[in-house]
């Protein structure tokens, strides 16, 4: 087993435990919940096979669903951003870059990393809260939950990225 797989498994468990034990109990202004486990999908290398990315994304979403009592919300949303991630990444990575490019602020640059992670986070939060509400009757509450959770999650992702690269 390679060192990258061991790091990926460790990141899987750390993000899962942090989300379940700490972040699920945070609800700012009764609308914003941080979802730091999105960071897991953002950090996949450029040459990761799409099937592996889907399996990892679904497995983390399923683990979050099981321990957070959100049946199918996290796994469905994580699988969706697992599908989108490689195609979105190609828009931000130069064509002549190496195949095993690690996604970080140092390799992409802060602006591209911020845009890339913002798009994935916003898509995730919109889908997650749309599945949770299962209707658009109270669409202002849906948008406020999705927007504030995406913003809070993005702040945590950028903080974690700043610590990770130092």
C-alpha atoms as a PDB file:
ATOM      1  CA  UNK A   1       0.000   0.000   0.000  1.00  0.00           C
ATOM      2  CA  UNK A   2       1.445   3.342  -0.991  1.00  0.00           C
ATOM      3  CA  UNK A   3       1.961   6.287   1.308  1.00  0.00           C
ATOM      4  CA  UNK A   4      -0.667   8.328  -0.576  1.00  0.00           C
ATOM      5  CA  UNK A   5      -3.353   5.748   0.150  1.00  0.00           C
ATOM      6  CA  UNK A   6      -2.435   5.737   3.840  1.00  0.00           C
ATOM      7  CA  UNK A   7      -2.619   9.540   3.915  1.00  0.00           C
ATOM      8  CA  UNK A   8      -5.997   9.406   2.152  1.00  0.00           C
ATOM      9  CA  UNK A   9      -7.371   6.877   4.675  1.00  0.00           C
ATOM     10  CA  UNK A  10      -6.092   8.981   7.582  1.00  0.00           C
ATOM     11  CA  UNK A  11      -7.673  12.121   6.130  1.00  0.00           C
ATOM     12  CA  UNK A  12     -10.926  10.186   5.635  1.00  0.00           C
ATOM     13  CA  UNK A  13     -11.092   9.169   9.292  1.00  0.00           C
ATOM     14  CA  UNK A  14      -9.931  12.507  10.684  1.00  0.00           C
ATOM     15  CA  UNK A  15     -12.489  14.504   8.684  1.00  0.00           C
ATOM     16  CA  UNK A  16     -15.219  12.018   9.517  1.00  0.00           C
ATOM     17  CA  UNK A  17     -14.498  12.125  13.270  1.00  0.00           C
ATOM     18  CA  UNK A  18     -14.157  15.927  13.356  1.00  0.00           C
ATOM     19  CA  UNK A  19     -17.432  16.356  11.497  1.00  0.00           C
ATOM     20  CA  UNK A  20     -19.364  13.856  13.586  1.00  0.00           C
ATOM     21  CA  UNK A  21     -18.054  14.794  17.024  1.00  0.00           C
ATOM     22  CA  UNK A  22     -17.633  18.558  16.689  1.00  0.00           C
ATOM     23  CA  UNK A  23     -18.916  20.269  13.558  1.00  0.00           C
ATOM     24  CA  UNK A  24     -22.361  18.624  13.469  1.00  0.00           C
ATOM     25  CA  UNK A  25     -23.139  20.333  16.774  1.00  0.00           C
ATOM     26  CA  UNK A  26     -22.408  23.827  15.419  1.00  0.00           C
ATOM     27  CA  UNK A  27     -25.423  25.668  14.052  1.00  0.00           C
ATOM     28  CA  UNK A  28     -24.685  29.400  13.743  1.00  0.00           C
ATOM     29  CA  UNK A  29     -27.821  31.554  13.852  1.00  0.00           C
ATOM     30  CA  UNK A  30     -29.811  28.353  13.371  1.00  0.00           C
ATOM     31  CA  UNK A  31     -28.878  28.222   9.669  1.00  0.00           C
ATOM     32  CA  UNK A  32     -25.118  27.708   9.133  1.00  0.00           C
ATOM     33  CA  UNK A  33     -23.519  24.307   9.622  1.00  0.00           C
ATOM     34  CA  UNK A  34     -19.863  23.767   8.661  1.00  0.00           C
ATOM     35  CA  UNK A  35     -19.222  20.763   6.407  1.00  0.00           C
ATOM     36  CA  UNK A  36     -15.472  20.409   6.411  1.00  0.00           C
ATOM     37  CA  UNK A  37     -15.487  16.928   4.857  1.00  0.00           C
ATOM     38  CA  UNK A  38     -15.880  18.556   1.417  1.00  0.00           C
ATOM     39  CA  UNK A  39     -12.141  19.228   1.722  1.00  0.00           C
ATOM     40  CA  UNK A  40     -11.608  15.501   1.109  1.00  0.00           C
ATOM     41  CA  UNK A  41     -12.913  15.723  -2.472  1.00  0.00           C
ATOM     42  CA  UNK A  42     -11.125  18.989  -3.177  1.00  0.00           C
ATOM     43  CA  UNK A  43      -7.688  17.514  -2.393  1.00  0.00           C
ATOM     44  CA  UNK A  44      -7.736  14.599  -4.851  1.00  0.00           C
ATOM     45  CA  UNK A  45      -4.827  14.593  -7.297  1.00  0.00           C
ATOM     46  CA  UNK A  46      -5.294  15.289 -10.962  1.00  0.00           C
ATOM     47  CA  UNK A  47      -4.672  11.732 -12.166  1.00  0.00           C
ATOM     48  CA  UNK A  48      -6.982  10.010  -9.687  1.00  0.00           C
ATOM     49  CA  UNK A  49      -9.233   7.575 -11.565  1.00  0.00           C
ATOM     50  CA  UNK A  50     -12.816   8.768 -11.722  1.00  0.00           C
ATOM     51  CA  UNK A  51     -14.141   5.498 -10.322  1.00  0.00           C
ATOM     52  CA  UNK A  52     -11.853   5.789  -7.281  1.00  0.00           C
ATOM     53  CA  UNK A  53     -12.930   9.386  -6.708  1.00  0.00           C
ATOM     54  CA  UNK A  54     -16.581   8.340  -6.832  1.00  0.00           C
ATOM     55  CA  UNK A  55     -16.049   5.447  -4.422  1.00  0.00           C
ATOM     56  CA  UNK A  56     -14.103   7.566  -1.917  1.00  0.00           C
ATOM     57  CA  UNK A  57     -16.678  10.371  -2.132  1.00  0.00           C
ATOM     58  CA  UNK A  58     -19.621   8.031  -1.697  1.00  0.00           C
ATOM     59  CA  UNK A  59     -17.933   6.185   1.194  1.00  0.00           C
ATOM     60  CA  UNK A  60     -17.253   9.392   3.109  1.00  0.00           C
ATOM     61  CA  UNK A  61     -20.777  10.643   2.449  1.00  0.00           C
ATOM     62  CA  UNK A  62     -22.194   7.326   3.610  1.00  0.00           C
ATOM     63  CA  UNK A  63     -20.108   7.418   6.796  1.00  0.00           C
ATOM     64  CA  UNK A  64     -21.326  10.945   7.518  1.00  0.00           C
ATOM     65  CA  UNK A  65     -24.926   9.889   6.798  1.00  0.00           C
ATOM     66  CA  UNK A  66     -24.747   6.892   9.114  1.00  0.00           C
ATOM     67  CA  UNK A  67     -23.403   8.821  12.083  1.00  0.00           C
ATOM     68  CA  UNK A  68     -25.315  12.074  11.495  1.00  0.00           C
ATOM     69  CA  UNK A  69     -28.730  10.533  10.836  1.00  0.00           C
ATOM     70  CA  UNK A  70     -29.070  12.197   7.441  1.00  0.00           C
ATOM     71  CA  UNK A  71     -30.141   9.295   5.221  1.00  0.00           C
ATOM     72  CA  UNK A  72     -28.681   9.812   1.762  1.00  0.00           C
ATOM     73  CA  UNK A  73     -28.105  13.563   1.953  1.00  0.00           C
ATOM     74  CA  UNK A  74     -24.343  13.580   2.360  1.00  0.00           C
ATOM     75  CA  UNK A  75     -23.699  10.519   0.207  1.00  0.00           C
ATOM     76  CA  UNK A  76     -25.743  11.843  -2.694  1.00  0.00           C
ATOM     77  CA  UNK A  77     -24.202  15.296  -2.503  1.00  0.00           C
ATOM     78  CA  UNK A  78     -20.661  13.955  -2.081  1.00  0.00           C
ATOM     79  CA  UNK A  79     -21.114  11.635  -5.054  1.00  0.00           C
ATOM     80  CA  UNK A  80     -22.271  14.567  -7.176  1.00  0.00           C
ATOM     81  CA  UNK A  81     -19.222  16.687  -6.377  1.00  0.00           C
ATOM     82  CA  UNK A  82     -17.074  13.576  -6.856  1.00  0.00           C
ATOM     83  CA  UNK A  83     -18.447  13.407 -10.407  1.00  0.00           C
ATOM     84  CA  UNK A  84     -17.909  17.118 -11.035  1.00  0.00           C
ATOM     85  CA  UNK A  85     -14.429  17.498  -9.472  1.00  0.00           C
ATOM     86  CA  UNK A  86     -12.203  16.096 -12.276  1.00  0.00           C
ATOM     87  CA  UNK A  87     -13.993  18.047 -14.995  1.00  0.00           C
ATOM     88  CA  UNK A  88     -13.990  21.270 -12.992  1.00  0.00           C
ATOM     89  CA  UNK A  89     -10.334  20.780 -12.113  1.00  0.00           C
ATOM     90  CA  UNK A  90      -9.385  20.692 -15.786  1.00  0.00           C
ATOM     91  CA  UNK A  91     -10.665  24.262 -16.114  1.00  0.00           C
ATOM     92  CA  UNK A  92      -8.210  25.507 -13.488  1.00  0.00           C
ATOM     93  CA  UNK A  93      -5.101  23.402 -14.178  1.00  0.00           C
ATOM     94  CA  UNK A  94      -2.724  24.344 -17.009  1.00  0.00           C
ATOM     95  CA  UNK A  95      -2.583  21.755 -19.795  1.00  0.00           C
ATOM     96  CA  UNK A  96       1.172  21.316 -19.544  1.00  0.00           C
ATOM     97  CA  UNK A  97       1.143  20.559 -15.796  1.00  0.00           C
ATOM     98  CA  UNK A  98       2.157  17.165 -14.447  1.00  0.00           C
ATOM     99  CA  UNK A  99      -0.398  14.372 -14.285  1.00  0.00           C
ATOM    100  CA  UNK A 100       0.090  13.782 -10.557  1.00  0.00           C
ATOM    101  CA  UNK A 101      -0.618  17.403  -9.604  1.00  0.00           C
ATOM    102  CA  UNK A 102      -1.572  17.864  -5.968  1.00  0.00           C
ATOM    103  CA  UNK A 103      -4.384  20.363  -5.510  1.00  0.00           C
ATOM    104  CA  UNK A 104      -3.368  23.155  -3.132  1.00  0.00           C
ATOM    105  CA  UNK A 105      -2.914  26.900  -2.984  1.00  0.00           C
ATOM    106  CA  UNK A 106       0.758  26.557  -3.887  1.00  0.00           C
ATOM    107  CA  UNK A 107       0.152  24.556  -7.066  1.00  0.00           C
ATOM    108  CA  UNK A 108      -2.974  26.337  -8.344  1.00  0.00           C
ATOM    109  CA  UNK A 109      -2.461  29.755  -6.833  1.00  0.00           C
ATOM    110  CA  UNK A 110      -4.744  31.277  -4.237  1.00  0.00           C
ATOM    111  CA  UNK A 111      -7.278  32.746  -6.674  1.00  0.00           C
ATOM    112  CA  UNK A 112      -7.791  29.581  -8.697  1.00  0.00           C
ATOM    113  CA  UNK A 113      -7.881  27.428  -5.547  1.00  0.00           C
ATOM    114  CA  UNK A 114     -10.446  29.742  -3.974  1.00  0.00           C
ATOM    115  CA  UNK A 115     -12.628  29.673  -7.091  1.00  0.00           C
ATOM    116  CA  UNK A 116     -12.311  25.894  -7.494  1.00  0.00           C
ATOM    117  CA  UNK A 117     -13.135  25.128  -3.867  1.00  0.00           C
ATOM    118  CA  UNK A 118     -15.916  27.743  -3.807  1.00  0.00           C
ATOM    119  CA  UNK A 119     -17.701  26.207  -6.780  1.00  0.00           C
ATOM    120  CA  UNK A 120     -17.548  22.694  -5.311  1.00  0.00           C
ATOM    121  CA  UNK A 121     -18.630  23.903  -1.876  1.00  0.00           C
ATOM    122  CA  UNK A 122     -21.561  25.933  -3.192  1.00  0.00           C
ATOM    123  CA  UNK A 123     -22.774  23.061  -5.379  1.00  0.00           C
ATOM    124  CA  UNK A 124     -22.506  20.674  -2.445  1.00  0.00           C
ATOM    125  CA  UNK A 125     -24.407  22.950  -0.050  1.00  0.00           C
ATOM    126  CA  UNK A 126     -27.138  23.750  -2.584  1.00  0.00           C
ATOM    127  CA  UNK A 127     -27.747  20.067  -3.317  1.00  0.00           C
ATOM    128  CA  UNK A 128     -27.480  19.016   0.337  1.00  0.00           C
ATOM    129  CA  UNK A 129     -30.031  21.540   1.581  1.00  0.00           C
ATOM    130  CA  UNK A 130     -32.314  21.001  -1.430  1.00  0.00           C
ATOM    131  CA  UNK A 131     -32.416  17.289  -0.618  1.00  0.00           C
ATOM    132  CA  UNK A 132     -32.957  18.086   3.052  1.00  0.00           C
ATOM    133  CA  UNK A 133     -35.897  20.435   2.417  1.00  0.00           C
ATOM    134  CA  UNK A 134     -37.232  18.343  -0.500  1.00  0.00           C
ATOM    135  CA  UNK A 135     -39.275  21.330  -1.609  1.00  0.00           C
ATOM    136  CA  UNK A 136     -38.764  24.938  -2.560  1.00  0.00           C
ATOM    137  CA  UNK A 137     -41.689  26.217  -0.521  1.00  0.00           C
ATOM    138  CA  UNK A 138     -39.438  28.176   1.831  1.00  0.00           C
ATOM    139  CA  UNK A 139     -36.755  29.022  -0.736  1.00  0.00           C
ATOM    140  CA  UNK A 140     -35.344  31.973   1.218  1.00  0.00           C
ATOM    141  CA  UNK A 141     -34.529  29.699   4.147  1.00  0.00           C
ATOM    142  CA  UNK A 142     -33.033  27.148   1.746  1.00  0.00           C
ATOM    143  CA  UNK A 143     -30.799  29.785   0.132  1.00  0.00           C
ATOM    144  CA  UNK A 144     -29.754  31.250   3.473  1.00  0.00           C
ATOM    145  CA  UNK A 145     -28.849  27.814   4.853  1.00  0.00           C
ATOM    146  CA  UNK A 146     -26.932  26.851   1.717  1.00  0.00           C
ATOM    147  CA  UNK A 147     -25.155  30.188   1.364  1.00  0.00           C
ATOM    148  CA  UNK A 148     -24.156  30.603   4.988  1.00  0.00           C
ATOM    149  CA  UNK A 149     -23.061  26.972   5.308  1.00  0.00           C
ATOM    150  CA  UNK A 150     -21.010  27.284   2.119  1.00  0.00           C
ATOM    151  CA  UNK A 151     -19.351  30.447   3.409  1.00  0.00           C
ATOM    152  CA  UNK A 152     -18.565  28.933   6.804  1.00  0.00           C
ATOM    153  CA  UNK A 153     -17.281  25.747   5.182  1.00  0.00           C
ATOM    154  CA  UNK A 154     -15.115  27.714   2.766  1.00  0.00           C
ATOM    155  CA  UNK A 155     -13.540  29.667   5.621  1.00  0.00           C
ATOM    156  CA  UNK A 156     -12.705  26.389   7.374  1.00  0.00           C
ATOM    157  CA  UNK A 157     -11.322  24.861   4.161  1.00  0.00           C
ATOM    158  CA  UNK A 158      -9.053  27.857   3.536  1.00  0.00           C
ATOM    159  CA  UNK A 159      -7.904  27.769   7.168  1.00  0.00           C
ATOM    160  CA  UNK A 160      -7.126  24.064   6.905  1.00  0.00           C
ATOM    161  CA  UNK A 161      -5.295  24.622   3.620  1.00  0.00           C
ATOM    162  CA  UNK A 162      -3.189  27.384   5.181  1.00  0.00           C
ATOM    163  CA  UNK A 163      -2.208  25.084   8.033  1.00  0.00           C
ATOM    164  CA  UNK A 164      -1.611  22.110   5.727  1.00  0.00           C
ATOM    165  CA  UNK A 165       0.895  23.886   3.490  1.00  0.00           C
ATOM    166  CA  UNK A 166       3.040  25.365   6.272  1.00  0.00           C
END
